[in-house]
């Protein structure tokens, strides 16, 4: 385990001179709030290495070294978001083996499935929900973490060869560049939307006011307890409590019996705060915008869908890789405007 600046400094020359580099991360999103990067796994030709971001080591030299490489990753979207959010790291280029497999038409594109199907090796899948913030890691955890990057170079070589043989390597390169851009673009949470959990869309305004205060209460409790919000109270339960409170029904019977008196009192204070608001300060109900397509738009949609499905069948890939139904709807309304948002290979397949 690389857990000191001295150990990292000794590893850096090998990383800087590596001919290839595979990368993965582990976080504790199921066990802590907010989540953090708990482990960085790196494989190079010289071996597999585990780097401990929780040990207080200075990671900037490592991140600079990583940025000089095309990083081989699998299902990189979550890792990219984590690294940008917590370490302001955006790679210059990646080779995503999951994307490659999907562009080749693989229907089972999880890492364990691909490693078994292409390389004949089996991975331990039993630690996907482990608490990666625990120290020391168990021997099994270390072995599991190393395996996440150990096979990526061999797998990438196989997938890259098949992509090239099918003339899809440029598609993959463009898709990886788009993935980096999508996952590292700055995001600003809309304060009027962030608290609208599943099940809230049809609530009346008084219940929405209670729900908003309950969401704020739950966020405060989650951060204070360093536990994910669903451990404090589930989405379904805060919606249920909001509906009951807005109707002036008792909410105490709805609460978990083991909820502490302090937490229960704080929740009741949040409910009272919401109920004291004047109606003018209740949140507005969000009405979904629905466009009723014209007959011409329906015809264009049907033609685009037929064309997409025919090309997907011909290529042996999932049709949604070429365009989702929502994208087809946008294109049927205004091709010139929305086609600019497609990748070049998607546009060529649909045009």
Protein backbone atom coordinates (compact mmCIF):
# COMPACT_ATOMS: atom_id res chain seq x y z
CA UNK A 1 0.00 0.00 0.00
CA UNK A 2 1.36 3.44 -0.97
CA UNK A 3 0.50 5.47 2.13
CA UNK A 4 3.40 7.91 2.57
CA UNK A 5 4.88 10.67 0.43
CA UNK A 6 8.17 8.78 0.39
CA UNK A 7 6.58 5.63 -1.01
CA UNK A 8 4.71 7.66 -3.62
CA UNK A 9 7.87 9.49 -4.65
CA UNK A 10 9.61 6.14 -5.15
CA UNK A 11 6.74 4.94 -7.39
CA UNK A 12 6.40 8.09 -9.51
CA UNK A 13 9.31 7.41 -11.92
CA UNK A 14 7.75 4.06 -12.84
CA UNK A 15 4.39 5.73 -13.47
CA UNK A 16 5.92 8.56 -15.48
CA UNK A 17 7.83 6.19 -17.76
CA UNK A 18 5.07 3.57 -18.06
CA UNK A 19 4.10 2.56 -21.59
CA UNK A 20 0.51 2.06 -20.44
CA UNK A 21 -1.51 2.66 -17.27
CA UNK A 22 -4.79 1.25 -15.95
CA UNK A 23 -6.75 3.09 -13.27
CA UNK A 24 -9.69 2.52 -10.93
CA UNK A 25 -10.95 4.00 -7.67
CA UNK A 26 -12.92 2.84 -4.66
CA UNK A 27 -15.20 5.11 -2.63
CA UNK A 28 -17.38 4.77 0.45
CA UNK A 29 -20.69 6.11 -0.89
CA UNK A 30 -22.65 3.28 0.77
CA UNK A 31 -21.11 3.96 4.16
CA UNK A 32 -20.33 7.69 4.48
CA UNK A 33 -21.75 11.09 3.53
CA UNK A 34 -20.51 12.85 1.59
CA UNK A 35 -18.52 10.09 -0.10
CA UNK A 36 -14.76 10.28 -0.62
CA UNK A 37 -12.12 8.56 -2.71
CA UNK A 38 -10.74 5.84 -0.46
CA UNK A 39 -8.40 3.99 -2.79
CA UNK A 40 -6.71 4.54 -6.14
CA UNK A 41 -5.67 1.40 -7.99
CA UNK A 42 -3.00 1.62 -10.67
CA UNK A 43 -1.59 -1.11 -12.86
CA UNK A 44 1.47 -0.68 -15.06
CA UNK A 45 3.68 -3.25 -16.76
CA UNK A 46 5.83 -3.40 -13.61
CA UNK A 47 2.92 -4.37 -11.34
CA UNK A 48 -0.27 -3.42 -9.54
CA UNK A 49 -0.27 -0.68 -6.91
CA UNK A 50 -2.73 0.57 -4.29
CA UNK A 51 -2.55 4.23 -3.28
CA UNK A 52 -4.22 5.44 -0.09
CA UNK A 53 -5.73 8.96 -0.43
CA UNK A 54 -6.90 8.76 3.20
CA UNK A 55 -3.33 8.65 4.49
CA UNK A 56 -2.82 12.38 3.97
CA UNK A 57 -0.26 12.02 1.20
CA UNK A 58 0.24 14.77 -1.39
CA UNK A 59 -1.43 13.49 -4.55
CA UNK A 60 -0.68 16.34 -7.00
CA UNK A 61 2.53 14.76 -8.37
CA UNK A 62 0.64 11.52 -8.97
CA UNK A 63 -2.24 13.28 -10.72
CA UNK A 64 0.21 15.19 -12.93
CA UNK A 65 1.85 11.90 -13.90
CA UNK A 66 -1.50 10.30 -14.65
CA UNK A 67 -2.49 13.14 -16.94
CA UNK A 68 0.41 12.33 -19.27
CA UNK A 69 -1.17 8.94 -20.09
CA UNK A 70 -4.24 7.58 -21.79
CA UNK A 71 -5.85 5.87 -18.81
CA UNK A 72 -7.37 2.44 -19.29
CA UNK A 73 -10.57 2.36 -17.20
CA UNK A 74 -13.79 0.38 -16.99
CA UNK A 75 -17.14 2.14 -16.62
CA UNK A 76 -15.26 5.37 -15.99
CA UNK A 77 -18.18 7.73 -15.41
CA UNK A 78 -18.34 7.44 -11.60
CA UNK A 79 -14.55 7.48 -11.22
CA UNK A 80 -14.30 10.59 -13.41
CA UNK A 81 -16.91 12.41 -11.33
CA UNK A 82 -15.21 11.42 -8.06
CA UNK A 83 -11.74 12.46 -9.16
CA UNK A 84 -12.93 15.80 -10.50
CA UNK A 85 -15.10 16.55 -7.47
CA UNK A 86 -12.60 15.63 -4.78
CA UNK A 87 -9.23 16.13 -6.47
CA UNK A 88 -9.99 18.46 -9.42
CA UNK A 89 -8.47 15.87 -11.75
CA UNK A 90 -9.59 15.59 -15.38
CA UNK A 91 -7.66 13.09 -17.52
CA UNK A 92 -6.47 14.06 -20.97
CA UNK A 93 -7.61 10.76 -22.51
CA UNK A 94 -9.11 7.42 -21.49
CA UNK A 95 -9.81 4.02 -23.01
CA UNK A 96 -13.04 2.78 -21.42
CA UNK A 97 -13.36 -1.00 -21.75
CA UNK A 98 -17.08 -0.93 -20.96
CA UNK A 99 -17.74 1.51 -23.79
CA UNK A 100 -15.58 -0.58 -26.10
CA UNK A 101 -17.53 -3.73 -25.27
CA UNK A 102 -20.87 -2.02 -25.86
CA UNK A 103 -19.72 -0.67 -29.22
CA UNK A 104 -18.81 -4.23 -30.16
CA UNK A 105 -22.31 -5.40 -29.29
CA UNK A 106 -21.49 -7.20 -26.04
CA UNK A 107 -24.64 -7.60 -23.95
CA UNK A 108 -22.81 -8.52 -20.72
CA UNK A 109 -20.32 -5.72 -20.29
CA UNK A 110 -19.54 -5.80 -16.56
CA UNK A 111 -15.83 -6.18 -15.84
CA UNK A 112 -16.11 -9.69 -14.40
CA UNK A 113 -18.11 -10.89 -17.43
CA UNK A 114 -15.67 -9.38 -19.92
CA UNK A 115 -12.58 -10.71 -18.12
CA UNK A 116 -14.09 -14.18 -18.03
CA UNK A 117 -15.34 -14.12 -21.64
CA UNK A 118 -12.24 -12.58 -23.22
CA UNK A 119 -9.43 -13.69 -20.91
CA UNK A 120 -10.78 -16.79 -19.19
CA UNK A 121 -10.18 -15.47 -15.66
CA UNK A 122 -12.71 -15.17 -12.82
CA UNK A 123 -12.94 -12.16 -10.53
CA UNK A 124 -14.18 -12.06 -6.96
CA UNK A 125 -17.49 -10.14 -7.05
CA UNK A 126 -18.25 -10.38 -3.34
CA UNK A 127 -16.82 -7.06 -2.13
CA UNK A 128 -18.71 -4.56 -4.27
CA UNK A 129 -20.40 -3.10 -1.17
CA UNK A 130 -17.36 -3.18 1.11
CA UNK A 131 -16.44 -0.20 3.28
CA UNK A 132 -13.26 0.99 1.54
CA UNK A 133 -12.55 3.57 4.24
CA UNK A 134 -11.65 0.85 6.76
CA UNK A 135 -8.00 0.46 7.64
CA UNK A 136 -6.15 -1.76 7.41
CA UNK A 137 -7.65 -3.37 4.33
CA UNK A 138 -8.10 -7.10 4.63
CA UNK A 139 -6.03 -9.36 2.41
CA UNK A 140 -9.15 -10.19 0.42
CA UNK A 141 -9.95 -6.48 -0.09
CA UNK A 142 -6.44 -5.79 -1.36
CA UNK A 143 -6.63 -8.72 -3.77
CA UNK A 144 -10.06 -7.60 -5.00
CA UNK A 145 -8.86 -4.02 -5.53
CA UNK A 146 -5.74 -5.06 -7.45
CA UNK A 147 -7.81 -7.30 -9.72
CA UNK A 148 -9.92 -4.32 -10.82
CA UNK A 149 -6.98 -2.98 -12.85
CA UNK A 150 -4.75 -6.05 -13.26
CA UNK A 151 -6.57 -7.35 -16.36
CA UNK A 152 -7.50 -4.04 -17.98
CA UNK A 153 -4.52 -3.75 -20.36
CA UNK A 154 -4.98 -7.25 -21.79
CA UNK A 155 -8.72 -6.68 -22.05
CA UNK A 156 -8.24 -3.28 -23.72
CA UNK A 157 -5.84 -4.79 -26.27
CA UNK A 158 -8.41 -7.42 -27.24
CA UNK A 159 -11.25 -4.91 -27.47
CA UNK A 160 -9.16 -2.35 -29.35
CA UNK A 161 -8.20 -4.96 -31.94
CA UNK A 162 -11.83 -5.89 -32.50
CA UNK A 163 -12.91 -2.24 -32.68
CA UNK A 164 -10.27 -1.57 -35.31
CA UNK A 165 -11.29 -4.66 -37.28
CA UNK A 166 -14.90 -3.43 -37.37
CA UNK A 167 -13.97 0.16 -38.17
CA UNK A 168 -15.29 1.45 -34.85
CA UNK A 169 -12.13 2.60 -33.11
CA UNK A 170 -12.81 6.24 -34.00
CA UNK A 171 -16.32 5.84 -32.57
CA UNK A 172 -14.81 4.70 -29.30
CA UNK A 173 -12.29 7.53 -29.18
CA UNK A 174 -15.03 10.10 -29.72
CA UNK A 175 -17.26 8.41 -27.12
CA UNK A 176 -14.47 8.44 -24.52
CA UNK A 177 -13.80 12.13 -25.14
CA UNK A 178 -17.53 12.85 -24.75
CA UNK A 179 -17.60 10.81 -21.53
CA UNK A 180 -14.78 12.87 -20.03
CA UNK A 181 -16.55 16.09 -20.97
CA UNK A 182 -19.96 14.98 -19.67
CA UNK A 183 -18.63 13.67 -16.34
CA UNK A 184 -16.32 16.56 -15.49
CA UNK A 185 -18.43 19.52 -16.60
CA UNK A 186 -19.17 21.79 -13.62
CA UNK A 187 -22.60 21.10 -12.18
CA UNK A 188 -24.69 23.59 -10.22
CA UNK A 189 -27.52 22.11 -8.20
CA UNK A 190 -30.83 23.92 -8.61
CA UNK A 191 -31.98 24.71 -5.05
CA UNK A 192 -35.59 24.45 -6.19
CA UNK A 193 -35.11 20.94 -7.58
CA UNK A 194 -32.44 19.21 -5.51
CA UNK A 195 -34.86 18.23 -2.74
CA UNK A 196 -37.59 16.88 -5.05
CA UNK A 197 -37.13 13.18 -4.44
CA UNK A 198 -38.86 10.32 -6.20
CA UNK A 199 -42.56 10.32 -5.35
CA UNK A 200 -42.84 14.08 -4.87
CA UNK A 201 -44.01 15.11 -8.33
CA UNK A 202 -47.71 14.87 -7.52
CA UNK A 203 -47.66 16.33 -4.02
CA UNK A 204 -49.70 19.48 -3.34
CA UNK A 205 -47.82 22.63 -2.41
CA UNK A 206 -48.28 22.33 1.42
CA UNK A 207 -46.80 18.82 1.35
CA UNK A 208 -43.95 20.06 -0.85
CA UNK A 209 -43.15 22.70 1.76
CA UNK A 210 -42.87 20.01 4.43
CA UNK A 211 -40.84 17.75 2.15
CA UNK A 212 -38.35 20.54 1.46
CA UNK A 213 -37.75 21.09 5.17
CA UNK A 214 -37.49 17.35 5.80
CA UNK A 215 -34.91 17.03 3.03
CA UNK A 216 -32.84 19.84 4.59
CA UNK A 217 -33.16 18.18 8.00
CA UNK A 218 -32.06 14.85 6.55
CA UNK A 219 -29.03 16.42 4.80
CA UNK A 220 -27.90 17.99 8.07
CA UNK A 221 -28.34 14.70 9.94
CA UNK A 222 -26.53 12.73 7.22
CA UNK A 223 -23.50 15.00 7.24
CA UNK A 224 -23.41 15.09 11.03
CA UNK A 225 -23.62 11.31 11.30
CA UNK A 226 -21.36 10.70 8.26
CA UNK A 227 -23.99 8.30 6.95
CA UNK A 228 -25.80 8.29 3.57
CA UNK A 229 -29.19 10.04 3.73
CA UNK A 230 -31.17 6.83 3.13
CA UNK A 231 -29.78 5.52 6.44
CA UNK A 232 -31.36 8.51 8.19
CA UNK A 233 -34.78 8.19 6.53
CA UNK A 234 -35.71 6.79 3.12
CA UNK A 235 -37.12 8.84 0.25
CA UNK A 236 -40.39 6.98 0.54
CA UNK A 237 -40.65 7.72 4.25
CA UNK A 238 -39.98 11.46 4.04
CA UNK A 239 -42.63 11.71 1.30
CA UNK A 240 -45.07 9.78 3.50
CA UNK A 241 -44.33 12.02 6.50
CA UNK A 242 -44.71 15.16 4.36
CA UNK A 243 -48.13 14.09 3.12
CA UNK A 244 -49.34 13.25 6.64
CA UNK A 245 -47.98 16.47 8.16
CA UNK A 246 -49.52 18.67 5.47
CA UNK A 247 -52.89 16.99 6.13
CA UNK A 248 -52.41 17.66 9.89
CA UNK A 249 -52.29 13.94 10.63
CA UNK A 250 -49.98 12.53 13.33
CA UNK A 251 -46.52 11.77 11.97
CA UNK A 252 -44.97 10.16 15.05
CA UNK A 253 -46.44 6.71 14.25
CA UNK A 254 -44.74 6.86 10.84
CA UNK A 255 -41.23 7.28 12.25
CA UNK A 256 -38.84 4.36 12.85
CA UNK A 257 -39.21 3.16 16.46
CA UNK A 258 -35.44 3.24 16.99
CA UNK A 259 -35.03 6.87 15.92
CA UNK A 260 -33.27 8.73 18.73
CA UNK A 261 -35.23 11.32 20.74
CA UNK A 262 -32.85 14.08 19.56
CA UNK A 263 -33.28 13.18 15.87
CA UNK A 264 -37.04 12.77 16.30
CA UNK A 265 -37.28 16.23 17.90
CA UNK A 266 -35.24 17.80 15.10
CA UNK A 267 -37.52 16.21 12.50
CA UNK A 268 -40.62 17.55 14.27
CA UNK A 269 -39.04 21.02 14.36
CA UNK A 270 -38.53 20.82 10.57
CA UNK A 271 -42.19 19.89 10.13
CA UNK A 272 -43.31 22.81 12.32
CA UNK A 273 -41.09 25.21 10.39
CA UNK A 274 -42.75 24.18 7.14
CA UNK A 275 -46.28 24.35 8.53
CA UNK A 276 -45.68 27.92 9.78
CA UNK A 277 -44.87 29.17 6.27
CA UNK A 278 -47.45 31.38 4.55
CA UNK A 279 -48.90 29.74 1.42
CA UNK A 280 -47.09 32.27 -0.79
CA UNK A 281 -43.79 30.68 0.27
CA UNK A 282 -44.81 27.12 -0.56
CA UNK A 283 -42.82 25.59 -3.42
CA UNK A 284 -44.46 25.58 -6.80
CA UNK A 285 -45.54 22.29 -8.30
CA UNK A 286 -43.35 21.37 -11.25
CA UNK A 287 -45.43 20.66 -14.30
CA UNK A 288 -43.68 18.43 -16.80
CA UNK A 289 -43.37 20.03 -20.19
CA UNK A 290 -44.84 17.80 -22.83
CA UNK A 291 -44.62 18.58 -26.50
CA UNK A 292 -47.48 17.22 -28.58
CA UNK A 293 -45.83 16.23 -31.85
CA UNK A 294 -47.37 17.25 -35.13
CA UNK A 295 -48.23 14.64 -37.72
CA UNK A 296 -45.08 15.56 -39.65
CA UNK A 297 -42.97 15.16 -36.51
CA UNK A 298 -44.49 11.74 -35.82
CA UNK A 299 -43.61 10.65 -39.34
CA UNK A 300 -40.05 11.92 -38.96
CA UNK A 301 -39.76 10.16 -35.57
CA UNK A 302 -40.96 6.87 -37.03
CA UNK A 303 -38.50 7.16 -39.92
CA UNK A 304 -35.59 8.01 -37.60
CA UNK A 305 -36.48 5.14 -35.27
CA UNK A 306 -36.72 2.72 -38.20
CA UNK A 307 -33.37 3.90 -39.51
CA UNK A 308 -31.74 3.70 -36.06
CA UNK A 309 -33.05 0.21 -35.39
CA UNK A 310 -31.98 -1.03 -38.82
CA UNK A 311 -28.45 0.28 -38.34
CA UNK A 312 -28.27 -1.12 -34.81
CA UNK A 313 -29.41 -4.55 -36.05
CA UNK A 314 -26.88 -4.42 -38.88
CA UNK A 315 -24.08 -3.51 -36.46
CA UNK A 316 -25.23 -5.80 -33.65
CA UNK A 317 -25.35 -3.03 -31.03
CA UNK A 318 -27.90 -1.63 -28.59
CA UNK A 319 -30.01 0.95 -30.51
CA UNK A 320 -29.79 3.44 -27.64
CA UNK A 321 -26.05 3.74 -28.26
CA UNK A 322 -26.92 5.44 -31.52
CA UNK A 323 -29.73 7.58 -30.07
CA UNK A 324 -32.25 7.35 -27.26
CA UNK A 325 -35.96 7.80 -27.91
CA UNK A 326 -35.75 11.25 -26.31
CA UNK A 327 -32.98 12.20 -28.72
CA UNK A 328 -35.03 10.89 -31.65
CA UNK A 329 -37.89 13.09 -30.47
CA UNK A 330 -35.66 16.15 -30.42
CA UNK A 331 -34.28 15.34 -33.87
CA UNK A 332 -37.76 14.85 -35.31
CA UNK A 333 -38.68 18.37 -34.14
CA UNK A 334 -35.53 20.15 -35.28
CA UNK A 335 -32.78 18.14 -36.92
CA UNK A 336 -30.43 21.05 -37.59
CA UNK A 337 -30.51 22.23 -34.00
CA UNK A 338 -30.25 18.90 -32.19
CA UNK A 339 -27.99 16.99 -34.59
CA UNK A 340 -25.13 19.20 -33.38
CA UNK A 341 -25.36 17.42 -30.04
CA UNK A 342 -24.74 14.01 -31.59
CA UNK A 343 -21.29 12.55 -31.92
CA UNK A 344 -20.03 12.40 -35.50
CA UNK A 345 -20.48 8.64 -35.78
CA UNK A 346 -24.02 8.80 -34.43
CA UNK A 347 -24.94 11.56 -36.85
CA UNK A 348 -23.50 9.62 -39.78
CA UNK A 349 -25.51 6.51 -38.86
CA UNK A 350 -28.76 8.46 -38.65
CA UNK A 351 -28.31 10.92 -41.52
